[in-house]
């Protein structure tokens, strides 16, 4: 599988001299721990990760206040989670959906 959206994000971030953090041993708990320790401004996730974050019962144990932008790839996100993620991540300003390499859909916090 070729993740062109992820590759484009990595190339753009490298050219802009951003720091990239990748998980070699992925789990949802490792993802939250990385957010808590690295304090990223933006994250690239799949819809399943956003749904998992919305349902995670111990989310308050992690500091996710640095996240202001989330880009998600792949399939569409349930409208329930699309609104709920703004409640779970109070500093989130916008949610960016990359459905195809040429189409972007933004949900801006109101």
PDB file of N, CA and C in Angstrom:
ATOM      1  N   UNK A   1       0.842  -1.173   0.000  1.00  0.00           N
ATOM      2  CA  UNK A   1       0.000   0.000   0.000  1.00  0.00           C
ATOM      3  C   UNK A   1       0.886   1.235   0.000  1.00  0.00           C
ATOM      4  N   UNK A   2       0.547   2.202  -0.790  1.00  0.00           N
ATOM      5  CA  UNK A   2       1.313   3.435  -0.883  1.00  0.00           C
ATOM      6  C   UNK A   2       0.531   4.556  -0.212  1.00  0.00           C
ATOM      7  N   UNK A   3       1.048   5.076   0.864  1.00  0.00           N
ATOM      8  CA  UNK A   3       0.405   6.159   1.601  1.00  0.00           C
ATOM      9  C   UNK A   3       0.933   7.489   1.062  1.00  0.00           C
ATOM     10  N   UNK A   4       0.360   7.935  -0.074  1.00  0.00           N
ATOM     11  CA  UNK A   4       0.873   9.156  -0.703  1.00  0.00           C
ATOM     12  C   UNK A   4       0.579  10.388   0.138  1.00  0.00           C
ATOM     13  N   UNK A   5      -0.524  10.391   0.861  1.00  0.00           N
ATOM     14  CA  UNK A   5      -0.823  11.550   1.713  1.00  0.00           C
ATOM     15  C   UNK A   5       0.192  11.645   2.846  1.00  0.00           C
ATOM     16  N   UNK A   6       0.529  10.521   3.460  1.00  0.00           N
ATOM     17  CA  UNK A   6       1.545  10.506   4.513  1.00  0.00           C
ATOM     18  C   UNK A   6       2.909  10.880   3.986  1.00  0.00           C
ATOM     19  N   UNK A   7       3.239  10.384   2.793  1.00  0.00           N
ATOM     20  CA  UNK A   7       4.515  10.721   2.168  1.00  0.00           C
ATOM     21  C   UNK A   7       4.574  12.216   1.864  1.00  0.00           C
ATOM     22  N   UNK A   8       3.485  12.763   1.328  1.00  0.00           N
ATOM     23  CA  UNK A   8       3.440  14.204   1.044  1.00  0.00           C
ATOM     24  C   UNK A   8       3.591  15.021   2.319  1.00  0.00           C
ATOM     25  N   UNK A   9       2.944  14.586   3.383  1.00  0.00           N
ATOM     26  CA  UNK A   9       3.063  15.275   4.668  1.00  0.00           C
ATOM     27  C   UNK A   9       4.504  15.232   5.161  1.00  0.00           C
ATOM     28  N   UNK A  10       5.149  14.080   5.054  1.00  0.00           N
ATOM     29  CA  UNK A  10       6.527  13.935   5.517  1.00  0.00           C
ATOM     30  C   UNK A  10       7.484  14.801   4.698  1.00  0.00           C
ATOM     31  N   UNK A  11       7.299  14.821   3.384  1.00  0.00           N
ATOM     32  CA  UNK A  11       8.171  15.649   2.532  1.00  0.00           C
ATOM     33  C   UNK A  11       7.964  17.128   2.843  1.00  0.00           C
ATOM     34  N   UNK A  12       6.707  17.555   2.938  1.00  0.00           N
ATOM     35  CA  UNK A  12       6.424  18.962   3.252  1.00  0.00           C
ATOM     36  C   UNK A  12       6.962  19.366   4.608  1.00  0.00           C
ATOM     37  N   UNK A  13       6.801  18.504   5.586  1.00  0.00           N
ATOM     38  CA  UNK A  13       7.304  18.798   6.933  1.00  0.00           C
ATOM     39  C   UNK A  13       8.826  18.874   6.943  1.00  0.00           C
ATOM     40  N   UNK A  14       9.470  18.003   6.178  1.00  0.00           N
ATOM     41  CA  UNK A  14      10.936  18.039   6.096  1.00  0.00           C
ATOM     42  C   UNK A  14      11.419  19.326   5.439  1.00  0.00           C
ATOM     43  N   UNK A  15      10.763  19.713   4.359  1.00  0.00           N
ATOM     44  CA  UNK A  15      11.150  20.940   3.662  1.00  0.00           C
ATOM     45  C   UNK A  15      10.931  22.183   4.515  1.00  0.00           C
ATOM     46  N   UNK A  16       9.929  22.140   5.384  1.00  0.00           N
ATOM     47  CA  UNK A  16       9.632  23.274   6.265  1.00  0.00           C
ATOM     48  C   UNK A  16      10.434  23.209   7.567  1.00  0.00           C
ATOM     49  N   UNK A  17      11.316  22.208   7.671  1.00  0.00           N
ATOM     50  CA  UNK A  17      12.171  22.023   8.852  1.00  0.00           C
ATOM     51  C   UNK A  17      11.370  21.723  10.112  1.00  0.00           C
ATOM     52  N   UNK A  18      10.244  21.034   9.959  1.00  0.00           N
ATOM     53  CA  UNK A  18       9.482  20.578  11.111  1.00  0.00           C
ATOM     54  C   UNK A  18      10.119  19.314  11.673  1.00  0.00           C
ATOM     55  N   UNK A  19       9.844  19.032  12.898  1.00  0.00           N
ATOM     56  CA  UNK A  19      10.268  17.773  13.493  1.00  0.00           C
ATOM     57  C   UNK A  19       9.177  16.739  13.255  1.00  0.00           C
ATOM     58  N   UNK A  20       9.574  15.543  12.876  1.00  0.00           N
ATOM     59  CA  UNK A  20       8.635  14.448  12.670  1.00  0.00           C
ATOM     60  C   UNK A  20       8.826  13.420  13.766  1.00  0.00           C
ATOM     61  N   UNK A  21       7.727  12.861  14.232  1.00  0.00           N
ATOM     62  CA  UNK A  21       7.764  11.819  15.251  1.00  0.00           C
ATOM     63  C   UNK A  21       6.945  10.650  14.723  1.00  0.00           C
ATOM     64  N   UNK A  22       7.570   9.525  14.564  1.00  0.00           N
ATOM     65  CA  UNK A  22       6.893   8.327  14.064  1.00  0.00           C
ATOM     66  C   UNK A  22       6.975   7.236  15.114  1.00  0.00           C
ATOM     67  N   UNK A  23       5.912   6.469  15.233  1.00  0.00           N
ATOM     68  CA  UNK A  23       5.877   5.366  16.190  1.00  0.00           C
ATOM     69  C   UNK A  23       6.277   4.071  15.489  1.00  0.00           C
ATOM     70  N   UNK A  24       7.316   3.434  15.973  1.00  0.00           N
ATOM     71  CA  UNK A  24       7.721   2.153  15.398  1.00  0.00           C
ATOM     72  C   UNK A  24       6.949   0.994  16.029  1.00  0.00           C
ATOM     73  N   UNK A  25       6.424   1.200  17.221  1.00  0.00           N
ATOM     74  CA  UNK A  25       5.631   0.185  17.914  1.00  0.00           C
ATOM     75  C   UNK A  25       4.270   0.801  18.217  1.00  0.00           C
ATOM     76  N   UNK A  26       3.381   0.785  17.217  1.00  0.00           N
ATOM     77  CA  UNK A  26       2.124   1.502  17.365  1.00  0.00           C
ATOM     78  C   UNK A  26       1.134   0.778  18.258  1.00  0.00           C
ATOM     79  N   UNK A  27       0.537   1.553  19.134  1.00  0.00           N
ATOM     80  CA  UNK A  27      -0.662   1.176  19.875  1.00  0.00           C
ATOM     81  C   UNK A  27      -1.338   2.489  20.238  1.00  0.00           C
ATOM     82  N   UNK A  28      -2.597   2.428  20.567  1.00  0.00           N
ATOM     83  CA  UNK A  28      -3.297   3.654  20.919  1.00  0.00           C
ATOM     84  C   UNK A  28      -2.705   4.299  22.171  1.00  0.00           C
ATOM     85  N   UNK A  29      -2.313   3.477  23.147  1.00  0.00           N
ATOM     86  CA  UNK A  29      -1.694   4.022  24.360  1.00  0.00           C
ATOM     87  C   UNK A  29      -0.351   4.680  24.033  1.00  0.00           C
ATOM     88  N   UNK A  30       0.433   4.079  23.133  1.00  0.00           N
ATOM     89  CA  UNK A  30       1.698   4.693  22.720  1.00  0.00           C
ATOM     90  C   UNK A  30       1.463   6.006  21.987  1.00  0.00           C
ATOM     91  N   UNK A  31       0.386   6.065  21.209  1.00  0.00           N
ATOM     92  CA  UNK A  31       0.043   7.300  20.514  1.00  0.00           C
ATOM     93  C   UNK A  31      -0.254   8.419  21.516  1.00  0.00           C
ATOM     94  N   UNK A  32      -1.085   8.123  22.518  1.00  0.00           N
ATOM     95  CA  UNK A  32      -1.412   9.132  23.527  1.00  0.00           C
ATOM     96  C   UNK A  32      -0.184   9.513  24.352  1.00  0.00           C
ATOM     97  N   UNK A  33       0.659   8.541  24.661  1.00  0.00           N
ATOM     98  CA  UNK A  33       1.893   8.847  25.391  1.00  0.00           C
ATOM     99  C   UNK A  33       2.813   9.745  24.570  1.00  0.00           C
ATOM    100  N   UNK A  34       2.872   9.500  23.266  1.00  0.00           N
ATOM    101  CA  UNK A  34       3.680  10.352  22.391  1.00  0.00           C
ATOM    102  C   UNK A  34       3.124  11.769  22.350  1.00  0.00           C
ATOM    103  N   UNK A  35       1.811  11.908  22.234  1.00  0.00           N
ATOM    104  CA  UNK A  35       1.205  13.244  22.259  1.00  0.00           C
ATOM    105  C   UNK A  35       1.532  13.954  23.568  1.00  0.00           C
ATOM    106  N   UNK A  36       1.475  13.206  24.655  1.00  0.00           N
ATOM    107  CA  UNK A  36       1.716  13.769  25.979  1.00  0.00           C
ATOM    108  C   UNK A  36       3.169  14.214  26.149  1.00  0.00           C
ATOM    109  N   UNK A  37       4.107  13.457  25.632  1.00  0.00           N
ATOM    110  CA  UNK A  37       5.520  13.783  25.855  1.00  0.00           C
ATOM    111  C   UNK A  37       6.112  14.699  24.785  1.00  0.00           C
ATOM    112  N   UNK A  38       5.717  14.529  23.520  1.00  0.00           N
ATOM    113  CA  UNK A  38       6.296  15.315  22.428  1.00  0.00           C
ATOM    114  C   UNK A  38       5.624  16.679  22.276  1.00  0.00           C
ATOM    115  N   UNK A  39       4.339  16.768  22.608  1.00  0.00           N
ATOM    116  CA  UNK A  39       3.554  18.006  22.501  1.00  0.00           C
ATOM    117  C   UNK A  39       3.506  18.540  21.059  1.00  0.00           C
ATOM    118  N   UNK A  40       3.028  17.735  20.115  1.00  0.00           N
ATOM    119  CA  UNK A  40       2.979  18.196  18.722  1.00  0.00           C
ATOM    120  C   UNK A  40       1.854  19.209  18.507  1.00  0.00           C
ATOM    121  N   UNK A  41       2.045  20.081  17.534  1.00  0.00           N
ATOM    122  CA  UNK A  41       0.982  21.010  17.153  1.00  0.00           C
ATOM    123  C   UNK A  41      -0.017  20.356  16.221  1.00  0.00           C
ATOM    124  N   UNK A  42       0.452  19.377  15.431  1.00  0.00           N
ATOM    125  CA  UNK A  42      -0.398  18.730  14.433  1.00  0.00           C
ATOM    126  C   UNK A  42      -0.154  17.229  14.442  1.00  0.00           C
ATOM    127  N   UNK A  43      -1.174  16.494  14.014  1.00  0.00           N
ATOM    128  CA  UNK A  43      -1.060  15.035  13.930  1.00  0.00           C
ATOM    129  C   UNK A  43      -1.786  14.554  12.686  1.00  0.00           C
ATOM    130  N   UNK A  44      -1.272  13.484  12.106  1.00  0.00           N
ATOM    131  CA  UNK A  44      -1.891  12.814  10.976  1.00  0.00           C
ATOM    132  C   UNK A  44      -2.378  11.457  11.462  1.00  0.00           C
ATOM    133  N   UNK A  45      -3.687  11.234  11.385  1.00  0.00           N
ATOM    134  CA  UNK A  45      -4.299  10.026  11.945  1.00  0.00           C
ATOM    135  C   UNK A  45      -5.243   9.383  10.939  1.00  0.00           C
ATOM    136  N   UNK A  46      -5.689   8.189  11.251  1.00  0.00           N
ATOM    137  CA  UNK A  46      -6.765   7.548  10.511  1.00  0.00           C
ATOM    138  C   UNK A  46      -8.063   7.744  11.289  1.00  0.00           C
ATOM    139  N   UNK A  47      -9.228   7.674  10.624  1.00  0.00           N
ATOM    140  CA  UNK A  47     -10.506   7.861  11.330  1.00  0.00           C
ATOM    141  C   UNK A  47     -10.678   6.936  12.533  1.00  0.00           C
ATOM    142  N   UNK A  48     -10.166   5.728  12.449  1.00  0.00           N
ATOM    143  CA  UNK A  48     -10.289   4.802  13.586  1.00  0.00           C
ATOM    144  C   UNK A  48      -9.563   5.337  14.814  1.00  0.00           C
ATOM    145  N   UNK A  49      -8.445   6.030  14.618  1.00  0.00           N
ATOM    146  CA  UNK A  49      -7.717   6.604  15.756  1.00  0.00           C
ATOM    147  C   UNK A  49      -8.519   7.730  16.405  1.00  0.00           C
ATOM    148  N   UNK A  50      -9.164   8.549  15.595  1.00  0.00           N
ATOM    149  CA  UNK A  50      -9.981   9.640  16.144  1.00  0.00           C
ATOM    150  C   UNK A  50     -11.147   9.064  16.938  1.00  0.00           C
ATOM    151  N   UNK A  51     -11.811   8.051  16.388  1.00  0.00           N
ATOM    152  CA  UNK A  51     -12.917   7.409  17.106  1.00  0.00           C
ATOM    153  C   UNK A  51     -12.421   6.808  18.412  1.00  0.00           C
ATOM    154  N   UNK A  52     -11.250   6.187  18.379  1.00  0.00           N
ATOM    155  CA  UNK A  52     -10.691   5.585  19.583  1.00  0.00           C
ATOM    156  C   UNK A  52     -10.387   6.649  20.628  1.00  0.00           C
ATOM    157  N   UNK A  53      -9.807   7.778  20.210  1.00  0.00           N
ATOM    158  CA  UNK A  53      -9.524   8.872  21.148  1.00  0.00           C
ATOM    159  C   UNK A  53     -10.815   9.371  21.782  1.00  0.00           C
ATOM    160  N   UNK A  54     -11.867   9.507  20.983  1.00  0.00           N
ATOM    161  CA  UNK A  54     -13.158   9.991  21.507  1.00  0.00           C
ATOM    162  C   UNK A  54     -13.750   9.033  22.532  1.00  0.00           C
ATOM    163  N   UNK A  55     -13.487   7.740  22.378  1.00  0.00           N
ATOM    164  CA  UNK A  55     -14.074   6.740  23.280  1.00  0.00           C
ATOM    165  C   UNK A  55     -13.158   6.337  24.426  1.00  0.00           C
ATOM    166  N   UNK A  56     -11.923   6.796  24.432  1.00  0.00           N
ATOM    167  CA  UNK A  56     -10.957   6.335  25.431  1.00  0.00           C
ATOM    168  C   UNK A  56     -11.350   6.849  26.817  1.00  0.00           C
ATOM    169  N   UNK A  57     -11.574   5.957  27.792  1.00  0.00           N
ATOM    170  CA  UNK A  57     -12.095   6.383  29.094  1.00  0.00           C
ATOM    171  C   UNK A  57     -11.098   7.154  29.960  1.00  0.00           C
ATOM    172  N   UNK A  58      -9.800   7.016  29.717  1.00  0.00           N
ATOM    173  CA  UNK A  58      -8.790   7.674  30.558  1.00  0.00           C
ATOM    174  C   UNK A  58      -8.049   8.770  29.801  1.00  0.00           C
ATOM    175  N   UNK A  59      -8.732   9.417  28.892  1.00  0.00           N
ATOM    176  CA  UNK A  59      -8.098  10.444  28.068  1.00  0.00           C
ATOM    177  C   UNK A  59      -7.555  11.599  28.905  1.00  0.00           C
ATOM    178  N   UNK A  60      -8.197  11.880  30.025  1.00  0.00           N
ATOM    179  CA  UNK A  60      -7.752  12.985  30.884  1.00  0.00           C
ATOM    180  C   UNK A  60      -6.398  12.717  31.544  1.00  0.00           C
ATOM    181  N   UNK A  61      -5.909  11.493  31.465  1.00  0.00           N
ATOM    182  CA  UNK A  61      -4.591  11.177  32.018  1.00  0.00           C
ATOM    183  C   UNK A  61      -3.458  11.707  31.136  1.00  0.00           C
ATOM    184  N   UNK A  62      -3.784  12.139  29.922  1.00  0.00           N
ATOM    185  CA  UNK A  62      -2.790  12.596  28.961  1.00  0.00           C
ATOM    186  C   UNK A  62      -3.011  14.074  28.642  1.00  0.00           C
ATOM    187  N   UNK A  63      -1.919  14.800  28.451  1.00  0.00           N
ATOM    188  CA  UNK A  63      -1.998  16.204  28.069  1.00  0.00           C
ATOM    189  C   UNK A  63      -1.965  16.309  26.550  1.00  0.00           C
ATOM    190  N   UNK A  64      -3.112  16.579  25.953  1.00  0.00           N
ATOM    191  CA  UNK A  64      -3.224  16.713  24.506  1.00  0.00           C
ATOM    192  C   UNK A  64      -3.468  18.164  24.105  1.00  0.00           C
ATOM    193  N   UNK A  65      -3.170  19.083  25.001  1.00  0.00           N
ATOM    194  CA  UNK A  65      -3.488  20.495  24.779  1.00  0.00           C
ATOM    195  C   UNK A  65      -2.673  21.135  23.662  1.00  0.00           C
ATOM    196  N   UNK A  66      -1.568  20.529  23.259  1.00  0.00           N
ATOM    197  CA  UNK A  66      -0.737  21.122  22.207  1.00  0.00           C
ATOM    198  C   UNK A  66      -1.336  20.939  20.813  1.00  0.00           C
ATOM    199  N   UNK A  67      -2.201  19.937  20.639  1.00  0.00           N
ATOM    200  CA  UNK A  67      -2.759  19.648  19.313  1.00  0.00           C
ATOM    201  C   UNK A  67      -3.732  20.736  18.867  1.00  0.00           C
ATOM    202  N   UNK A  68      -3.385  21.416  17.776  1.00  0.00           N
ATOM    203  CA  UNK A  68      -4.277  22.437  17.214  1.00  0.00           C
ATOM    204  C   UNK A  68      -4.804  22.033  15.843  1.00  0.00           C
ATOM    205  N   UNK A  69      -4.206  21.016  15.242  1.00  0.00           N
ATOM    206  CA  UNK A  69      -4.599  20.585  13.906  1.00  0.00           C
ATOM    207  C   UNK A  69      -4.483  19.069  13.800  1.00  0.00           C
ATOM    208  N   UNK A  70      -5.517  18.446  13.264  1.00  0.00           N
ATOM    209  CA  UNK A  70      -5.494  17.008  13.008  1.00  0.00           C
ATOM    210  C   UNK A  70      -5.886  16.786  11.555  1.00  0.00           C
ATOM    211  N   UNK A  71      -5.044  16.063  10.839  1.00  0.00           N
ATOM    212  CA  UNK A  71      -5.344  15.635   9.481  1.00  0.00           C
ATOM    213  C   UNK A  71      -5.655  14.152   9.547  1.00  0.00           C
ATOM    214  N   UNK A  72      -6.766  13.764   8.926  1.00  0.00           N
ATOM    215  CA  UNK A  72      -7.052  12.333   8.898  1.00  0.00           C
ATOM    216  C   UNK A  72      -7.194  11.875   7.462  1.00  0.00           C
ATOM    217  N   UNK A  73      -6.791  10.634   7.254  1.00  0.00           N
ATOM    218  CA  UNK A  73      -6.673  10.056   5.923  1.00  0.00           C
ATOM    219  C   UNK A  73      -7.579   8.848   5.805  1.00  0.00           C
ATOM    220  N   UNK A  74      -7.867   8.499   4.582  1.00  0.00           N
ATOM    221  CA  UNK A  74      -8.635   7.286   4.360  1.00  0.00           C
ATOM    222  C   UNK A  74     -10.115   7.574   4.232  1.00  0.00           C
ATOM    223  N   UNK A  75     -10.919   6.812   4.922  1.00  0.00           N
ATOM    224  CA  UNK A  75     -12.371   6.913   4.790  1.00  0.00           C
ATOM    225  C   UNK A  75     -12.916   8.132   5.522  1.00  0.00           C
ATOM    226  N   UNK A  76     -14.197   8.348   5.328  1.00  0.00           N
ATOM    227  CA  UNK A  76     -14.880   9.456   5.993  1.00  0.00           C
ATOM    228  C   UNK A  76     -14.979   9.188   7.492  1.00  0.00           C
ATOM    229  N   UNK A  77     -15.161  10.248   8.241  1.00  0.00           N
ATOM    230  CA  UNK A  77     -15.302  10.171   9.690  1.00  0.00           C
ATOM    231  C   UNK A  77     -16.765  10.357  10.059  1.00  0.00           C
ATOM    232  N   UNK A  78     -17.227   9.582  11.005  1.00  0.00           N
ATOM    233  CA  UNK A  78     -18.601   9.728  11.471  1.00  0.00           C
ATOM    234  C   UNK A  78     -18.835  11.153  11.946  1.00  0.00           C
ATOM    235  N   UNK A  79     -19.970  11.777  11.590  1.00  0.00           N
ATOM    236  CA  UNK A  79     -20.257  13.144  12.053  1.00  0.00           C
ATOM    237  C   UNK A  79     -20.257  13.261  13.578  1.00  0.00           C
ATOM    238  N   UNK A  80     -20.569  12.185  14.266  1.00  0.00           N
ATOM    239  CA  UNK A  80     -20.549  12.207  15.733  1.00  0.00           C
ATOM    240  C   UNK A  80     -19.133  12.465  16.217  1.00  0.00           C
ATOM    241  N   UNK A  81     -18.169  11.710  15.684  1.00  0.00           N
ATOM    242  CA  UNK A  81     -16.773  11.893  16.101  1.00  0.00           C
ATOM    243  C   UNK A  81     -16.192  13.193  15.546  1.00  0.00           C
ATOM    244  N   UNK A  82     -16.691  13.613  14.391  1.00  0.00           N
ATOM    245  CA  UNK A  82     -16.209  14.862  13.802  1.00  0.00           C
ATOM    246  C   UNK A  82     -16.463  16.044  14.735  1.00  0.00           C
ATOM    247  N   UNK A  83     -17.568  16.030  15.447  1.00  0.00           N
ATOM    248  CA  UNK A  83     -17.861  17.102  16.408  1.00  0.00           C
ATOM    249  C   UNK A  83     -17.258  16.788  17.781  1.00  0.00           C
ATOM    250  N   UNK A  84     -17.282  15.540  18.185  1.00  0.00           N
ATOM    251  CA  UNK A  84     -16.820  15.167  19.514  1.00  0.00           C
ATOM    252  C   UNK A  84     -15.316  15.381  19.698  1.00  0.00           C
ATOM    253  N   UNK A  85     -14.533  15.230  18.616  1.00  0.00           N
ATOM    254  CA  UNK A  85     -13.086  15.389  18.747  1.00  0.00           C
ATOM    255  C   UNK A  85     -12.733  16.810  19.184  1.00  0.00           C
ATOM    256  N   UNK A  86     -13.556  17.793  18.822  1.00  0.00           N
ATOM    257  CA  UNK A  86     -13.317  19.165  19.263  1.00  0.00           C
ATOM    258  C   UNK A  86     -13.547  19.311  20.766  1.00  0.00           C
ATOM    259  N   UNK A  87     -14.441  18.503  21.327  1.00  0.00           N
ATOM    260  CA  UNK A  87     -14.640  18.507  22.778  1.00  0.00           C
ATOM    261  C   UNK A  87     -13.502  17.796  23.500  1.00  0.00           C
ATOM    262  N   UNK A  88     -13.017  16.719  22.906  1.00  0.00           N
ATOM    263  CA  UNK A  88     -11.938  15.946  23.529  1.00  0.00           C
ATOM    264  C   UNK A  88     -10.589  16.660  23.447  1.00  0.00           C
ATOM    265  N   UNK A  89     -10.385  17.425  22.370  1.00  0.00           N
ATOM    266  CA  UNK A  89      -9.143  18.188  22.178  1.00  0.00           C
ATOM    267  C   UNK A  89      -9.517  19.669  22.153  1.00  0.00           C
ATOM    268  N   UNK A  90      -9.623  20.315  23.300  1.00  0.00           N
ATOM    269  CA  UNK A  90     -10.185  21.670  23.369  1.00  0.00           C
ATOM    270  C   UNK A  90      -9.395  22.729  22.605  1.00  0.00           C
ATOM    271  N   UNK A  91      -8.110  22.516  22.332  1.00  0.00           N
ATOM    272  CA  UNK A  91      -7.322  23.502  21.588  1.00  0.00           C
ATOM    273  C   UNK A  91      -7.280  23.213  20.091  1.00  0.00           C
ATOM    274  N   UNK A  92      -7.995  22.184  19.650  1.00  0.00           N
ATOM    275  CA  UNK A  92      -8.043  21.844  18.236  1.00  0.00           C
ATOM    276  C   UNK A  92      -8.759  22.945  17.468  1.00  0.00           C
ATOM    277  N   UNK A  93      -8.086  23.495  16.461  1.00  0.00           N
ATOM    278  CA  UNK A  93      -8.665  24.568  15.663  1.00  0.00           C
ATOM    279  C   UNK A  93      -9.333  24.051  14.405  1.00  0.00           C
ATOM    280  N   UNK A  94      -8.699  23.095  13.735  1.00  0.00           N
ATOM    281  CA  UNK A  94      -9.365  22.528  12.571  1.00  0.00           C
ATOM    282  C   UNK A  94      -8.988  21.080  12.337  1.00  0.00           C
ATOM    283  N   UNK A  95      -9.913  20.401  11.658  1.00  0.00           N
ATOM    284  CA  UNK A  95      -9.814  18.993  11.332  1.00  0.00           C
ATOM    285  C   UNK A  95      -9.768  18.910   9.816  1.00  0.00           C
ATOM    286  N   UNK A  96      -8.719  18.335   9.278  1.00  0.00           N
ATOM    287  CA  UNK A  96      -8.488  18.301   7.845  1.00  0.00           C
ATOM    288  C   UNK A  96      -8.645  16.874   7.348  1.00  0.00           C
ATOM    289  N   UNK A  97      -9.552  16.668   6.406  1.00  0.00           N
ATOM    290  CA  UNK A  97      -9.775  15.344   5.846  1.00  0.00           C
ATOM    291  C   UNK A  97      -9.160  15.280   4.461  1.00  0.00           C
ATOM    292  N   UNK A  98      -8.172  14.408   4.283  1.00  0.00           N
ATOM    293  CA  UNK A  98      -7.573  14.178   2.973  1.00  0.00           C
ATOM    294  C   UNK A  98      -8.156  12.873   2.447  1.00  0.00           C
ATOM    295  N   UNK A  99      -9.180  12.985   1.623  1.00  0.00           N
ATOM    296  CA  UNK A  99      -9.821  11.770   1.084  1.00  0.00           C
ATOM    297  C   UNK A  99      -9.078  11.262  -0.140  1.00  0.00           C
ATOM    298  N   UNK A 100      -8.581  12.154  -0.924  1.00  0.00           N
ATOM    299  CA  UNK A 100      -7.782  11.805  -2.088  1.00  0.00           C
ATOM    300  C   UNK A 100      -6.606  12.761  -2.101  1.00  0.00           C
ATOM    301  N   UNK A 101      -5.636  12.506  -2.936  1.00  0.00           N
ATOM    302  CA  UNK A 101      -4.457  13.374  -2.950  1.00  0.00           C
ATOM    303  C   UNK A 101      -4.772  14.764  -3.484  1.00  0.00           C
ATOM    304  N   UNK A 102      -5.922  14.946  -4.128  1.00  0.00           N
ATOM    305  CA  UNK A 102      -6.248  16.250  -4.704  1.00  0.00           C
ATOM    306  C   UNK A 102      -7.468  16.911  -4.044  1.00  0.00           C
ATOM    307  N   UNK A 103      -8.017  16.316  -2.990  1.00  0.00           N
ATOM    308  CA  UNK A 103      -9.234  16.848  -2.386  1.00  0.00           C
ATOM    309  C   UNK A 103      -9.048  16.983  -0.879  1.00  0.00           C
ATOM    310  N   UNK A 104      -9.334  18.153  -0.369  1.00  0.00           N
ATOM    311  CA  UNK A 104      -9.224  18.403   1.068  1.00  0.00           C
ATOM    312  C   UNK A 104     -10.568  18.875   1.590  1.00  0.00           C
ATOM    313  N   UNK A 105     -10.914  18.453   2.791  1.00  0.00           N
ATOM    314  CA  UNK A 105     -12.155  18.865   3.442  1.00  0.00           C
ATOM    315  C   UNK A 105     -11.803  19.337   4.840  1.00  0.00           C
ATOM    316  N   UNK A 106     -12.156  20.558   5.169  1.00  0.00           N
ATOM    317  CA  UNK A 106     -11.820  21.121   6.471  1.00  0.00           C
ATOM    318  C   UNK A 106     -13.061  21.282   7.327  1.00  0.00           C
ATOM    319  N   UNK A 107     -12.935  20.980   8.583  1.00  0.00           N
ATOM    320  CA  UNK A 107     -13.953  21.308   9.569  1.00  0.00           C
ATOM    321  C   UNK A 107     -13.289  22.276  10.534  1.00  0.00           C
ATOM    322  N   UNK A 108     -13.812  23.481  10.609  1.00  0.00           N
ATOM    323  CA  UNK A 108     -13.215  24.513  11.442  1.00  0.00           C
ATOM    324  C   UNK A 108     -14.025  24.649  12.728  1.00  0.00           C
ATOM    325  N   UNK A 109     -13.328  24.775  13.833  1.00  0.00           N
ATOM    326  CA  UNK A 109     -13.984  24.913  15.126  1.00  0.00           C
ATOM    327  C   UNK A 109     -14.802  26.193  15.136  1.00  0.00           C
ATOM    328  N   UNK A 110     -16.042  26.089  15.577  1.00  0.00           N
ATOM    329  CA  UNK A 110     -16.893  27.296  15.632  1.00  0.00           C
ATOM    330  C   UNK A 110     -17.181  27.687  17.060  1.00  0.00           C
TER     331      UNK A 110
END
